[in-house]
Amino acid sequence: MSSTNSCEVSDLRAYQHQVYAVVYSVILAPGLLGNVLALWVFRAYVRETKKAVVFMMNLAVADLLQVLSLPLRIYYYLNNTWAFGHFLCMICFYLKYVNMYASIYFLVCVSMRRCELIMRPLRCNSSTRKRDLVICAFGWLLVFLGCLPFPLMRTTSNDLNSDSREKNTSKCFSELPMRTISGPAAGVLLITAELLGFIIPLILVLACTCLTAGSLRERTAGPIPDRGEKRRALRMVLSCAVVFLVCFAPYHVTMPLDFLDKANVLSSCKLRKLIKRCHPVTLCLASLNCSLDPIIYYFTTDEFWRRLSKPDIPESRLMGRRLSCITGGEEADD
């Protein structure tokens, strides 16, 4: 306990609250407007195209869930106190991780679908959208269940003695004390989160990027997507990879270190202080994805350009897409 106290940083809480308040205030407006606009655009094209629109709609919903919780987070970090009850605190805390891992899941789905449509463009049938809906439902169930340990590992005010309860009733999010957990259980949780939540998804996205880039060197003929379509697909998959590396990679480097620090496993005070300074920054980078995803949609999907330039989809364009599917093209009406 003495080593823990000697490793405390006096101005750490003020530093963390300042970082969180500034970053969340910056991403609130573009994240809200961008994802609402994305849902409006993709709603018009969800039955028209096979270009992973169902996955992108779910990705926008995941981002919107986090954005809607940001005002309460900003209030807490500006006022240094939580006044909305423990249950709402846990909901906002939970949604943070649901957004992160739902975004990871659907970014993988988007990358794999765009790669599949380039590598096997003749697979255009009426069951594609139904299959996508099943994949999305499974993804949400997996994410909701997989993220439950994050709030469950935090103690409630009822678990504390009277002195500690009075001290912690105004705290929320990562400042809530952690429950005591055995070393083997902690190791299983960390390894599972790193493997299933980041490493395997990153490998899949990078593999899709390599396959899509390699398809540009292949000459195709007939009803196969042209090089322009392949370049657009490559931009989308590359954008997903960039979001992984910029937003999620730093967080998944510091997450196990932060866990070990909170569990008082680390003995080096210098390392613990460095973790306390770096982890809030990586957590903010992970939150940045809810503003970056709409930018990806805008610059890598034709649907955004067409929808914003023309409020209604011409019937002739819809008929052309129906004929495209019949002849083996990529887009079709379900």
C-alpha atoms as a PDB file:
ATOM      1  CA  MET A   1       0.000   0.000   0.000  1.00  0.00           C
ATOM      2  CA  SER A   2       2.881   2.388   0.755  1.00  0.00           C
ATOM      3  CA  SER A   3       4.360   1.834  -2.697  1.00  0.00           C
ATOM      4  CA  THR A   4       0.963   2.495  -4.227  1.00  0.00           C
ATOM      5  CA  ASN A   5       0.654   5.814  -2.423  1.00  0.00           C
ATOM      6  CA  SER A   6       4.190   6.862  -3.363  1.00  0.00           C
ATOM      7  CA  CYS A   7       3.367   6.249  -7.027  1.00  0.00           C
ATOM      8  CA  GLU A   8       0.327   8.531  -7.023  1.00  0.00           C
ATOM      9  CA  VAL A   9       0.506  11.610  -9.267  1.00  0.00           C
ATOM     10  CA  SER A  10      -0.880  14.636  -7.462  1.00  0.00           C
ATOM     11  CA  ASP A  11      -2.362  16.367 -10.494  1.00  0.00           C
ATOM     12  CA  LEU A  12      -3.336  13.172 -12.365  1.00  0.00           C
ATOM     13  CA  ARG A  13      -7.106  13.512 -11.934  1.00  0.00           C
ATOM     14  CA  ALA A  14      -7.104  17.125 -13.134  1.00  0.00           C
ATOM     15  CA  TYR A  15      -4.935  16.169 -16.110  1.00  0.00           C
ATOM     16  CA  GLN A  16      -7.178  13.259 -17.093  1.00  0.00           C
ATOM     17  CA  HIS A  17     -10.384  15.279 -16.744  1.00  0.00           C
ATOM     18  CA  GLN A  18      -8.960  18.077 -18.867  1.00  0.00           C
ATOM     19  CA  VAL A  19      -7.918  15.688 -21.635  1.00  0.00           C
ATOM     20  CA  TYR A  20     -11.272  13.882 -21.657  1.00  0.00           C
ATOM     21  CA  ALA A  21     -13.347  17.068 -21.548  1.00  0.00           C
ATOM     22  CA  VAL A  22     -11.471  18.691 -24.449  1.00  0.00           C
ATOM     23  CA  VAL A  23     -11.433  15.626 -26.720  1.00  0.00           C
ATOM     24  CA  TYR A  24     -15.051  14.643 -26.080  1.00  0.00           C
ATOM     25  CA  SER A  25     -16.212  18.231 -26.683  1.00  0.00           C
ATOM     26  CA  VAL A  26     -14.340  18.292 -29.994  1.00  0.00           C
ATOM     27  CA  ILE A  27     -15.769  15.019 -31.319  1.00  0.00           C
ATOM     28  CA  LEU A  28     -19.345  15.504 -30.050  1.00  0.00           C
ATOM     29  CA  ALA A  29     -20.768  17.691 -32.843  1.00  0.00           C
ATOM     30  CA  PRO A  30     -19.066  16.039 -35.863  1.00  0.00           C
ATOM     31  CA  GLY A  31     -19.754  12.591 -34.435  1.00  0.00           C
ATOM     32  CA  LEU A  32     -23.455  13.336 -33.951  1.00  0.00           C
ATOM     33  CA  LEU A  33     -24.021  15.076 -37.289  1.00  0.00           C
ATOM     34  CA  GLY A  34     -21.840  12.680 -39.274  1.00  0.00           C
ATOM     35  CA  ASN A  35     -23.491   9.491 -38.023  1.00  0.00           C
ATOM     36  CA  VAL A  36     -27.052  10.845 -38.308  1.00  0.00           C
ATOM     37  CA  LEU A  37     -26.229  11.859 -41.891  1.00  0.00           C
ATOM     38  CA  ALA A  38     -24.755   8.405 -42.531  1.00  0.00           C
ATOM     39  CA  LEU A  39     -27.910   6.660 -41.346  1.00  0.00           C
ATOM     40  CA  TRP A  40     -30.035   8.949 -43.545  1.00  0.00           C
ATOM     41  CA  VAL A  41     -27.907   8.219 -46.613  1.00  0.00           C
ATOM     42  CA  PHE A  42     -27.555   4.474 -46.119  1.00  0.00           C
ATOM     43  CA  ARG A  43     -31.239   4.025 -45.382  1.00  0.00           C
ATOM     44  CA  ALA A  44     -31.969   5.027 -48.984  1.00  0.00           C
ATOM     45  CA  TYR A  45     -29.445   2.551 -50.394  1.00  0.00           C
ATOM     46  CA  VAL A  46     -29.727  -0.423 -48.040  1.00  0.00           C
ATOM     47  CA  ARG A  47     -31.889  -2.382 -50.498  1.00  0.00           C
ATOM     48  CA  GLU A  48     -30.120  -1.153 -53.622  1.00  0.00           C
ATOM     49  CA  THR A  49     -26.506  -2.166 -53.151  1.00  0.00           C
ATOM     50  CA  LYS A  50     -24.405  -5.026 -51.857  1.00  0.00           C
ATOM     51  CA  LYS A  51     -21.495  -2.786 -50.839  1.00  0.00           C
ATOM     52  CA  ALA A  52     -21.627  -3.557 -47.098  1.00  0.00           C
ATOM     53  CA  VAL A  53     -24.232  -0.847 -46.462  1.00  0.00           C
ATOM     54  CA  VAL A  54     -25.952  -2.977 -43.790  1.00  0.00           C
ATOM     55  CA  PHE A  55     -22.660  -3.223 -41.908  1.00  0.00           C
ATOM     56  CA  MET A  56     -21.983   0.494 -42.266  1.00  0.00           C
ATOM     57  CA  MET A  57     -25.451   1.296 -40.912  1.00  0.00           C
ATOM     58  CA  ASN A  58     -24.745  -0.819 -37.841  1.00  0.00           C
ATOM     59  CA  LEU A  59     -21.343   0.819 -37.487  1.00  0.00           C
ATOM     60  CA  ALA A  60     -23.053   4.234 -37.516  1.00  0.00           C
ATOM     61  CA  VAL A  61     -25.514   3.042 -34.845  1.00  0.00           C
ATOM     62  CA  ALA A  62     -22.615   1.868 -32.656  1.00  0.00           C
ATOM     63  CA  ASP A  63     -20.891   5.236 -33.016  1.00  0.00           C
ATOM     64  CA  LEU A  64     -24.125   7.073 -32.281  1.00  0.00           C
ATOM     65  CA  LEU A  65     -24.564   5.144 -29.026  1.00  0.00           C
ATOM     66  CA  GLN A  66     -21.270   6.507 -27.756  1.00  0.00           C
ATOM     67  CA  VAL A  67     -21.891  10.038 -29.042  1.00  0.00           C
ATOM     68  CA  LEU A  68     -25.197  10.241 -27.169  1.00  0.00           C
ATOM     69  CA  SER A  69     -23.383   9.466 -23.905  1.00  0.00           C
ATOM     70  CA  LEU A  70     -20.717  12.132 -24.433  1.00  0.00           C
ATOM     71  CA  PRO A  71     -22.679  15.087 -22.925  1.00  0.00           C
ATOM     72  CA  LEU A  72     -22.871  13.278 -19.569  1.00  0.00           C
ATOM     73  CA  ARG A  73     -19.177  12.440 -19.764  1.00  0.00           C
ATOM     74  CA  ILE A  74     -18.293  16.043 -20.560  1.00  0.00           C
ATOM     75  CA  TYR A  75     -20.413  17.243 -17.620  1.00  0.00           C
ATOM     76  CA  TYR A  76     -18.590  14.866 -15.287  1.00  0.00           C
ATOM     77  CA  TYR A  77     -15.114  15.824 -16.416  1.00  0.00           C
ATOM     78  CA  LEU A  78     -15.867  19.555 -16.276  1.00  0.00           C
ATOM     79  CA  ASN A  79     -17.524  19.459 -12.846  1.00  0.00           C
ATOM     80  CA  ASN A  80     -15.439  16.648 -11.303  1.00  0.00           C
ATOM     81  CA  THR A  81     -18.535  14.990  -9.890  1.00  0.00           C
ATOM     82  CA  TRP A  82     -21.238  12.561 -11.050  1.00  0.00           C
ATOM     83  CA  ALA A  83     -24.790  13.573 -10.173  1.00  0.00           C
ATOM     84  CA  PHE A  84     -26.864  11.104 -12.218  1.00  0.00           C
ATOM     85  CA  GLY A  85     -26.816   7.944 -10.154  1.00  0.00           C
ATOM     86  CA  HIS A  86     -24.752   4.779 -10.259  1.00  0.00           C
ATOM     87  CA  PHE A  87     -26.957   2.969 -12.781  1.00  0.00           C
ATOM     88  CA  LEU A  88     -26.600   5.671 -15.462  1.00  0.00           C
ATOM     89  CA  CYS A  89     -22.877   5.807 -14.757  1.00  0.00           C
ATOM     90  CA  MET A  90     -22.598   2.076 -15.474  1.00  0.00           C
ATOM     91  CA  ILE A  91     -24.677   2.415 -18.650  1.00  0.00           C
ATOM     92  CA  CYS A  92     -22.402   5.156 -20.027  1.00  0.00           C
ATOM     93  CA  PHE A  93     -19.315   3.225 -18.944  1.00  0.00           C
ATOM     94  CA  TYR A  94     -20.652   0.081 -20.634  1.00  0.00           C
ATOM     95  CA  LEU A  95     -21.591   1.877 -23.876  1.00  0.00           C
ATOM     96  CA  LYS A  96     -18.011   3.070 -24.238  1.00  0.00           C
ATOM     97  CA  TYR A  97     -16.748  -0.484 -24.647  1.00  0.00           C
ATOM     98  CA  VAL A  98     -19.783  -1.619 -26.624  1.00  0.00           C
ATOM     99  CA  ASN A  99     -19.056   1.124 -29.150  1.00  0.00           C
ATOM    100  CA  MET A 100     -15.384   0.245 -29.351  1.00  0.00           C
ATOM    101  CA  TYR A 101     -15.786  -3.475 -29.945  1.00  0.00           C
ATOM    102  CA  ALA A 102     -18.915  -3.127 -32.090  1.00  0.00           C
ATOM    103  CA  SER A 103     -16.953  -0.700 -34.272  1.00  0.00           C
ATOM    104  CA  ILE A 104     -14.101  -3.192 -34.511  1.00  0.00           C
ATOM    105  CA  TYR A 105     -16.518  -5.986 -35.443  1.00  0.00           C
ATOM    106  CA  PHE A 106     -18.334  -4.016 -38.142  1.00  0.00           C
ATOM    107  CA  LEU A 107     -15.122  -2.546 -39.584  1.00  0.00           C
ATOM    108  CA  VAL A 108     -13.983  -6.139 -40.102  1.00  0.00           C
ATOM    109  CA  CYS A 109     -17.331  -6.979 -41.721  1.00  0.00           C
ATOM    110  CA  VAL A 110     -17.094  -3.963 -44.063  1.00  0.00           C
ATOM    111  CA  SER A 111     -13.537  -4.879 -45.074  1.00  0.00           C
ATOM    112  CA  MET A 112     -14.375  -8.527 -45.700  1.00  0.00           C
ATOM    113  CA  ARG A 113     -17.507  -7.726 -47.694  1.00  0.00           C
ATOM    114  CA  ARG A 114     -15.765  -5.203 -49.969  1.00  0.00           C
ATOM    115  CA  CYS A 115     -12.898  -7.634 -50.489  1.00  0.00           C
ATOM    116  CA  GLU A 116     -15.348 -10.448 -51.239  1.00  0.00           C
ATOM    117  CA  LEU A 117     -17.203  -8.361 -53.829  1.00  0.00           C
ATOM    118  CA  ILE A 118     -13.936  -7.627 -55.610  1.00  0.00           C
ATOM    119  CA  MET A 119     -12.533 -11.147 -55.428  1.00  0.00           C
ATOM    120  CA  ARG A 120     -15.853 -12.928 -56.166  1.00  0.00           C
ATOM    121  CA  PRO A 121     -18.084 -10.354 -57.900  1.00  0.00           C
ATOM    122  CA  LEU A 122     -20.495 -12.900 -59.403  1.00  0.00           C
ATOM    123  CA  ARG A 123     -21.936 -13.780 -56.003  1.00  0.00           C
ATOM    124  CA  CYS A 124     -25.002 -11.562 -56.248  1.00  0.00           C
ATOM    125  CA  ASN A 125     -28.169 -13.123 -54.923  1.00  0.00           C
ATOM    126  CA  SER A 126     -31.227 -12.281 -52.897  1.00  0.00           C
ATOM    127  CA  SER A 127     -29.930 -13.934 -49.724  1.00  0.00           C
ATOM    128  CA  THR A 128     -26.957 -11.582 -49.297  1.00  0.00           C
ATOM    129  CA  ARG A 129     -28.765  -8.902 -47.288  1.00  0.00           C
ATOM    130  CA  LYS A 130     -30.510 -11.495 -45.102  1.00  0.00           C
ATOM    131  CA  ARG A 131     -27.140 -13.059 -44.372  1.00  0.00           C
ATOM    132  CA  ASP A 132     -25.754  -9.636 -43.471  1.00  0.00           C
ATOM    133  CA  LEU A 133     -28.611  -9.057 -41.026  1.00  0.00           C
ATOM    134  CA  VAL A 134     -27.891 -12.377 -39.323  1.00  0.00           C
ATOM    135  CA  ILE A 135     -24.185 -11.491 -39.068  1.00  0.00           C
ATOM    136  CA  CYS A 136     -25.082  -8.112 -37.548  1.00  0.00           C
ATOM    137  CA  ALA A 137     -27.447  -9.625 -34.982  1.00  0.00           C
ATOM    138  CA  PHE A 138     -24.788 -12.165 -33.994  1.00  0.00           C
ATOM    139  CA  GLY A 139     -22.208  -9.378 -33.726  1.00  0.00           C
ATOM    140  CA  TRP A 140     -24.354  -7.258 -31.414  1.00  0.00           C
ATOM    141  CA  LEU A 141     -25.073 -10.254 -29.164  1.00  0.00           C
ATOM    142  CA  LEU A 142     -21.379 -11.147 -29.044  1.00  0.00           C
ATOM    143  CA  VAL A 143     -20.334  -7.567 -28.236  1.00  0.00           C
ATOM    144  CA  PHE A 144     -22.996  -6.996 -25.561  1.00  0.00           C
ATOM    145  CA  LEU A 145     -22.057 -10.214 -23.784  1.00  0.00           C
ATOM    146  CA  GLY A 146     -18.313  -9.795 -24.282  1.00  0.00           C
ATOM    147  CA  CYS A 147     -18.284  -6.270 -22.799  1.00  0.00           C
ATOM    148  CA  LEU A 148     -20.165  -7.212 -19.607  1.00  0.00           C
ATOM    149  CA  PRO A 149     -16.943  -7.880 -17.629  1.00  0.00           C
ATOM    150  CA  PHE A 150     -15.932  -4.203 -17.928  1.00  0.00           C
ATOM    151  CA  PRO A 151     -18.766  -2.834 -15.727  1.00  0.00           C
ATOM    152  CA  LEU A 152     -18.982  -6.018 -13.628  1.00  0.00           C
ATOM    153  CA  MET A 153     -15.337  -5.640 -12.530  1.00  0.00           C
ATOM    154  CA  ARG A 154     -16.144  -2.253 -10.980  1.00  0.00           C
ATOM    155  CA  THR A 155     -17.412  -2.074  -7.414  1.00  0.00           C
ATOM    156  CA  THR A 156     -20.624  -0.313  -6.422  1.00  0.00           C
ATOM    157  CA  SER A 157     -21.010   2.000  -3.456  1.00  0.00           C
ATOM    158  CA  ASN A 158     -22.801  -0.809  -1.588  1.00  0.00           C
ATOM    159  CA  ASP A 159     -19.649  -2.944  -1.751  1.00  0.00           C
ATOM    160  CA  LEU A 160     -17.579  -0.364   0.117  1.00  0.00           C
ATOM    161  CA  ASN A 161     -17.366   0.541   3.769  1.00  0.00           C
ATOM    162  CA  SER A 162     -18.985   3.769   4.947  1.00  0.00           C
ATOM    163  CA  ASP A 163     -15.836   5.909   4.586  1.00  0.00           C
ATOM    164  CA  SER A 164     -15.011   4.655   1.113  1.00  0.00           C
ATOM    165  CA  ARG A 165     -18.666   4.846   0.048  1.00  0.00           C
ATOM    166  CA  GLU A 166     -18.843   8.533   0.894  1.00  0.00           C
ATOM    167  CA  LYS A 167     -15.607   9.180  -0.994  1.00  0.00           C
ATOM    168  CA  ASN A 168     -16.643   7.294  -4.179  1.00  0.00           C
ATOM    169  CA  THR A 169     -20.321   8.204  -4.642  1.00  0.00           C
ATOM    170  CA  SER A 170     -19.353  11.178  -6.819  1.00  0.00           C
ATOM    171  CA  LYS A 171     -16.932   9.174  -9.000  1.00  0.00           C
ATOM    172  CA  CYS A 172     -17.690   7.431 -12.262  1.00  0.00           C
ATOM    173  CA  PHE A 173     -16.165   5.617 -15.255  1.00  0.00           C
ATOM    174  CA  SER A 174     -12.552   4.471 -14.929  1.00  0.00           C
ATOM    175  CA  GLU A 175     -12.219   6.122 -11.504  1.00  0.00           C
ATOM    176  CA  LEU A 176     -14.557   3.551  -9.947  1.00  0.00           C
ATOM    177  CA  PRO A 177     -12.577   1.086  -7.803  1.00  0.00           C
ATOM    178  CA  MET A 178     -11.990  -2.356  -9.257  1.00  0.00           C
ATOM    179  CA  ARG A 179     -13.057  -5.612  -7.663  1.00  0.00           C
ATOM    180  CA  THR A 180     -10.372  -7.983  -6.465  1.00  0.00           C
ATOM    181  CA  ILE A 181      -9.687 -10.572  -9.157  1.00  0.00           C
ATOM    182  CA  SER A 182      -7.295 -13.503  -9.193  1.00  0.00           C
ATOM    183  CA  GLY A 183      -4.219 -13.487 -11.396  1.00  0.00           C
ATOM    184  CA  PRO A 184      -5.291 -16.385 -13.654  1.00  0.00           C
ATOM    185  CA  ALA A 185      -8.743 -14.850 -14.195  1.00  0.00           C
ATOM    186  CA  ALA A 186      -7.191 -11.478 -15.029  1.00  0.00           C
ATOM    187  CA  GLY A 187      -4.837 -13.138 -17.494  1.00  0.00           C
ATOM    188  CA  VAL A 188      -7.690 -14.943 -19.255  1.00  0.00           C
ATOM    189  CA  LEU A 189      -9.709 -11.734 -19.550  1.00  0.00           C
ATOM    190  CA  LEU A 190      -6.789  -9.733 -20.919  1.00  0.00           C
ATOM    191  CA  ILE A 191      -5.709 -12.371 -23.432  1.00  0.00           C
ATOM    192  CA  THR A 192      -9.284 -12.866 -24.633  1.00  0.00           C
ATOM    193  CA  ALA A 193      -9.848  -9.125 -25.031  1.00  0.00           C
ATOM    194  CA  GLU A 194      -6.586  -8.657 -26.912  1.00  0.00           C
ATOM    195  CA  LEU A 195      -6.987 -11.674 -29.200  1.00  0.00           C
ATOM    196  CA  LEU A 196     -10.688 -11.534 -30.028  1.00  0.00           C
ATOM    197  CA  GLY A 197     -11.096  -7.790 -29.664  1.00  0.00           C
ATOM    198  CA  PHE A 198      -8.058  -6.558 -31.556  1.00  0.00           C
ATOM    199  CA  ILE A 199      -5.340  -8.906 -32.850  1.00  0.00           C
ATOM    200  CA  ILE A 200      -7.529 -11.285 -34.889  1.00  0.00           C
ATOM    201  CA  PRO A 201      -9.701  -8.446 -36.299  1.00  0.00           C
ATOM    202  CA  LEU A 202      -6.570  -6.503 -37.258  1.00  0.00           C
ATOM    203  CA  ILE A 203      -5.130  -9.535 -39.065  1.00  0.00           C
ATOM    204  CA  LEU A 204      -8.395  -9.924 -40.998  1.00  0.00           C
ATOM    205  CA  VAL A 205      -8.473  -6.260 -42.025  1.00  0.00           C
ATOM    206  CA  LEU A 206      -4.821  -6.303 -43.119  1.00  0.00           C
ATOM    207  CA  ALA A 207      -5.428  -9.515 -45.080  1.00  0.00           C
ATOM    208  CA  CYS A 208      -8.408  -7.911 -46.859  1.00  0.00           C
ATOM    209  CA  THR A 209      -6.244  -4.889 -47.640  1.00  0.00           C
ATOM    210  CA  CYS A 210      -3.528  -7.063 -49.201  1.00  0.00           C
ATOM    211  CA  LEU A 211      -6.025  -9.109 -51.232  1.00  0.00           C
ATOM    212  CA  THR A 212      -7.839  -6.017 -52.505  1.00  0.00           C
ATOM    213  CA  ALA A 213      -4.570  -4.306 -53.408  1.00  0.00           C
ATOM    214  CA  GLY A 214      -3.402  -7.455 -55.197  1.00  0.00           C
ATOM    215  CA  SER A 215      -6.583  -7.571 -57.272  1.00  0.00           C
ATOM    216  CA  LEU A 216      -5.576  -4.271 -58.912  1.00  0.00           C
ATOM    217  CA  ARG A 217      -2.744  -6.116 -60.664  1.00  0.00           C
ATOM    218  CA  GLU A 218      -5.126  -8.620 -62.194  1.00  0.00           C
ATOM    219  CA  ARG A 219      -6.762  -7.975 -65.554  1.00  0.00           C
ATOM    220  CA  THR A 220     -10.471  -8.734 -65.656  1.00  0.00           C
ATOM    221  CA  ALA A 221     -13.018  -8.908 -68.427  1.00  0.00           C
ATOM    222  CA  GLY A 222     -16.777  -9.159 -68.765  1.00  0.00           C
ATOM    223  CA  PRO A 223     -19.156  -8.292 -65.923  1.00  0.00           C
ATOM    224  CA  ILE A 224     -16.328  -7.904 -63.420  1.00  0.00           C
ATOM    225  CA  PRO A 225     -15.832  -4.656 -61.487  1.00  0.00           C
ATOM    226  CA  ASP A 226     -13.436  -2.290 -63.302  1.00  0.00           C
ATOM    227  CA  ARG A 227     -10.220  -0.893 -61.874  1.00  0.00           C
ATOM    228  CA  GLY A 228     -12.062   2.223 -60.687  1.00  0.00           C
ATOM    229  CA  GLU A 229     -14.376   0.094 -58.586  1.00  0.00           C
ATOM    230  CA  LYS A 230     -11.405  -1.843 -57.242  1.00  0.00           C
ATOM    231  CA  ARG A 231      -9.678   1.394 -56.277  1.00  0.00           C
ATOM    232  CA  ARG A 232     -12.783   2.551 -54.418  1.00  0.00           C
ATOM    233  CA  ALA A 233     -12.920  -0.763 -52.585  1.00  0.00           C
ATOM    234  CA  LEU A 234      -9.219  -0.477 -51.745  1.00  0.00           C
ATOM    235  CA  ARG A 235      -9.769   3.030 -50.344  1.00  0.00           C
ATOM    236  CA  MET A 236     -12.528   1.692 -48.105  1.00  0.00           C
ATOM    237  CA  VAL A 237     -10.471  -1.254 -46.819  1.00  0.00           C
ATOM    238  CA  LEU A 238      -7.390   0.932 -46.336  1.00  0.00           C
ATOM    239  CA  SER A 239      -9.493   3.423 -44.374  1.00  0.00           C
ATOM    240  CA  CYS A 240     -10.663   0.636 -42.074  1.00  0.00           C
ATOM    241  CA  ALA A 241      -7.050  -0.398 -41.523  1.00  0.00           C
ATOM    242  CA  VAL A 242      -6.046   3.201 -40.728  1.00  0.00           C
ATOM    243  CA  VAL A 243      -8.845   3.499 -38.145  1.00  0.00           C
ATOM    244  CA  PHE A 244      -7.610   0.271 -36.539  1.00  0.00           C
ATOM    245  CA  LEU A 245      -4.027   1.473 -36.331  1.00  0.00           C
ATOM    246  CA  VAL A 246      -4.782   5.064 -35.259  1.00  0.00           C
ATOM    247  CA  CYS A 247      -7.728   4.538 -32.906  1.00  0.00           C
ATOM    248  CA  PHE A 248      -7.555   1.021 -31.529  1.00  0.00           C
ATOM    249  CA  ALA A 249      -3.901  -0.085 -31.630  1.00  0.00           C
ATOM    250  CA  PRO A 250      -2.602   2.441 -29.037  1.00  0.00           C
ATOM    251  CA  TYR A 251      -5.448   1.628 -26.652  1.00  0.00           C
ATOM    252  CA  HIS A 252      -4.849  -2.123 -26.841  1.00  0.00           C
ATOM    253  CA  VAL A 253      -1.172  -1.538 -26.041  1.00  0.00           C
ATOM    254  CA  THR A 254      -1.905   0.450 -22.874  1.00  0.00           C
ATOM    255  CA  MET A 255      -5.051  -1.444 -21.761  1.00  0.00           C
ATOM    256  CA  PRO A 256      -3.249  -4.461 -20.216  1.00  0.00           C
ATOM    257  CA  LEU A 257      -0.659  -2.146 -18.663  1.00  0.00           C
ATOM    258  CA  ASP A 258      -3.391   0.026 -17.141  1.00  0.00           C
ATOM    259  CA  PHE A 259      -5.111  -3.083 -15.794  1.00  0.00           C
ATOM    260  CA  LEU A 260      -1.877  -4.248 -14.159  1.00  0.00           C
ATOM    261  CA  ASP A 261      -1.371  -0.784 -12.699  1.00  0.00           C
ATOM    262  CA  LYS A 262      -4.859  -0.683 -11.177  1.00  0.00           C
ATOM    263  CA  ALA A 263      -4.321  -4.185  -9.788  1.00  0.00           C
ATOM    264  CA  ASN A 264      -1.093  -2.942  -8.088  1.00  0.00           C
ATOM    265  CA  VAL A 265       0.968  -5.598  -9.856  1.00  0.00           C
ATOM    266  CA  LEU A 266       3.609  -3.240 -11.278  1.00  0.00           C
ATOM    267  CA  SER A 267       6.434  -2.240  -8.923  1.00  0.00           C
ATOM    268  CA  SER A 268       8.108   0.483 -11.007  1.00  0.00           C
ATOM    269  CA  CYS A 269       6.742   3.908 -10.046  1.00  0.00           C
ATOM    270  CA  LYS A 270       8.176   5.471 -13.192  1.00  0.00           C
ATOM    271  CA  LEU A 271       6.347   2.993 -15.397  1.00  0.00           C
ATOM    272  CA  ARG A 272       3.099   3.395 -13.460  1.00  0.00           C
ATOM    273  CA  LYS A 273       3.196   7.171 -13.780  1.00  0.00           C
ATOM    274  CA  LEU A 274       3.872   6.879 -17.516  1.00  0.00           C
ATOM    275  CA  ILE A 275       0.886   4.556 -17.902  1.00  0.00           C
ATOM    276  CA  LYS A 276      -1.354   6.950 -15.974  1.00  0.00           C
ATOM    277  CA  ARG A 277      -0.368   9.729 -18.391  1.00  0.00           C
ATOM    278  CA  CYS A 278      -0.590   7.751 -21.630  1.00  0.00           C
ATOM    279  CA  HIS A 279      -3.701   5.643 -21.094  1.00  0.00           C
ATOM    280  CA  PRO A 280      -6.165   8.594 -21.149  1.00  0.00           C
ATOM    281  CA  VAL A 281      -4.700   9.699 -24.484  1.00  0.00           C
ATOM    282  CA  THR A 282      -5.105   6.260 -26.037  1.00  0.00           C
ATOM    283  CA  LEU A 283      -8.653   6.036 -24.649  1.00  0.00           C
ATOM    284  CA  CYS A 284      -9.449   9.342 -26.376  1.00  0.00           C
ATOM    285  CA  LEU A 285      -7.984   8.012 -29.620  1.00  0.00           C
ATOM    286  CA  ALA A 286     -10.295   5.010 -29.330  1.00  0.00           C
ATOM    287  CA  SER A 287     -13.247   7.418 -28.993  1.00  0.00           C
ATOM    288  CA  LEU A 288     -12.132   9.339 -32.067  1.00  0.00           C
ATOM    289  CA  ASN A 289     -13.395   6.584 -34.352  1.00  0.00           C
ATOM    290  CA  CYS A 290     -17.003   7.797 -33.989  1.00  0.00           C
ATOM    291  CA  SER A 291     -15.978  10.962 -35.865  1.00  0.00           C
ATOM    292  CA  LEU A 292     -13.597   9.300 -38.321  1.00  0.00           C
ATOM    293  CA  ASP A 293     -16.064   6.664 -39.537  1.00  0.00           C
ATOM    294  CA  PRO A 294     -18.422   9.196 -41.231  1.00  0.00           C
ATOM    295  CA  ILE A 295     -15.399  10.678 -43.025  1.00  0.00           C
ATOM    296  CA  ILE A 296     -14.620   7.194 -44.343  1.00  0.00           C
ATOM    297  CA  TYR A 297     -18.180   6.868 -45.663  1.00  0.00           C
ATOM    298  CA  TYR A 298     -18.014  10.246 -47.384  1.00  0.00           C
ATOM    299  CA  PHE A 299     -14.738   9.725 -49.235  1.00  0.00           C
ATOM    300  CA  THR A 300     -14.965   6.015 -50.048  1.00  0.00           C
ATOM    301  CA  THR A 301     -18.608   5.294 -50.957  1.00  0.00           C
ATOM    302  CA  ASP A 302     -20.506   6.357 -54.060  1.00  0.00           C
ATOM    303  CA  GLU A 303     -23.741   6.307 -52.073  1.00  0.00           C
ATOM    304  CA  PHE A 304     -22.798   9.432 -50.133  1.00  0.00           C
ATOM    305  CA  TRP A 305     -21.966  11.404 -53.279  1.00  0.00           C
ATOM    306  CA  ARG A 306     -25.102  10.324 -55.134  1.00  0.00           C
ATOM    307  CA  ARG A 307     -27.420  10.860 -52.182  1.00  0.00           C
ATOM    308  CA  LEU A 308     -26.057  14.300 -51.336  1.00  0.00           C
ATOM    309  CA  SER A 309     -26.092  15.480 -54.956  1.00  0.00           C
ATOM    310  CA  LYS A 310     -29.615  14.163 -55.690  1.00  0.00           C
ATOM    311  CA  PRO A 311     -32.201  13.807 -52.917  1.00  0.00           C
ATOM    312  CA  ASP A 312     -34.089  11.073 -54.760  1.00  0.00           C
ATOM    313  CA  ILE A 313     -32.724   8.033 -56.556  1.00  0.00           C
ATOM    314  CA  PRO A 314     -33.845   8.060 -60.196  1.00  0.00           C
ATOM    315  CA  GLU A 315     -35.910   5.056 -61.241  1.00  0.00           C
ATOM    316  CA  SER A 316     -33.679   4.578 -64.273  1.00  0.00           C
ATOM    317  CA  ARG A 317     -30.674   4.211 -61.972  1.00  0.00           C
ATOM    318  CA  LEU A 318     -32.496   1.651 -59.872  1.00  0.00           C
ATOM    319  CA  MET A 319     -33.454  -0.303 -63.014  1.00  0.00           C
ATOM    320  CA  GLY A 320     -29.837  -0.213 -64.145  1.00  0.00           C
ATOM    321  CA  ARG A 321     -28.754  -1.790 -60.861  1.00  0.00           C
ATOM    322  CA  ARG A 322     -31.369  -4.519 -61.162  1.00  0.00           C
ATOM    323  CA  LEU A 323     -30.093  -5.358 -64.640  1.00  0.00           C
ATOM    324  CA  SER A 324     -26.520  -5.221 -63.338  1.00  0.00           C
ATOM    325  CA  CYS A 325     -27.261  -7.986 -60.852  1.00  0.00           C
ATOM    326  CA  ILE A 326     -28.906 -10.120 -63.526  1.00  0.00           C
ATOM    327  CA  THR A 327     -25.846  -9.813 -65.740  1.00  0.00           C
ATOM    328  CA  GLY A 328     -23.482 -10.581 -62.858  1.00  0.00           C
ATOM    329  CA  GLY A 329     -22.700  -7.051 -61.624  1.00  0.00           C
ATOM    330  CA  GLU A 330     -22.055  -6.026 -58.036  1.00  0.00           C
ATOM    331  CA  GLU A 331     -25.142  -4.028 -57.176  1.00  0.00           C
ATOM    332  CA  ALA A 332     -28.750  -5.101 -57.103  1.00  0.00           C
ATOM    333  CA  ASP A 333     -32.093  -4.520 -55.521  1.00  0.00           C
ATOM    334  CA  ASP A 334     -33.032  -7.108 -52.923  1.00  0.00           C
END
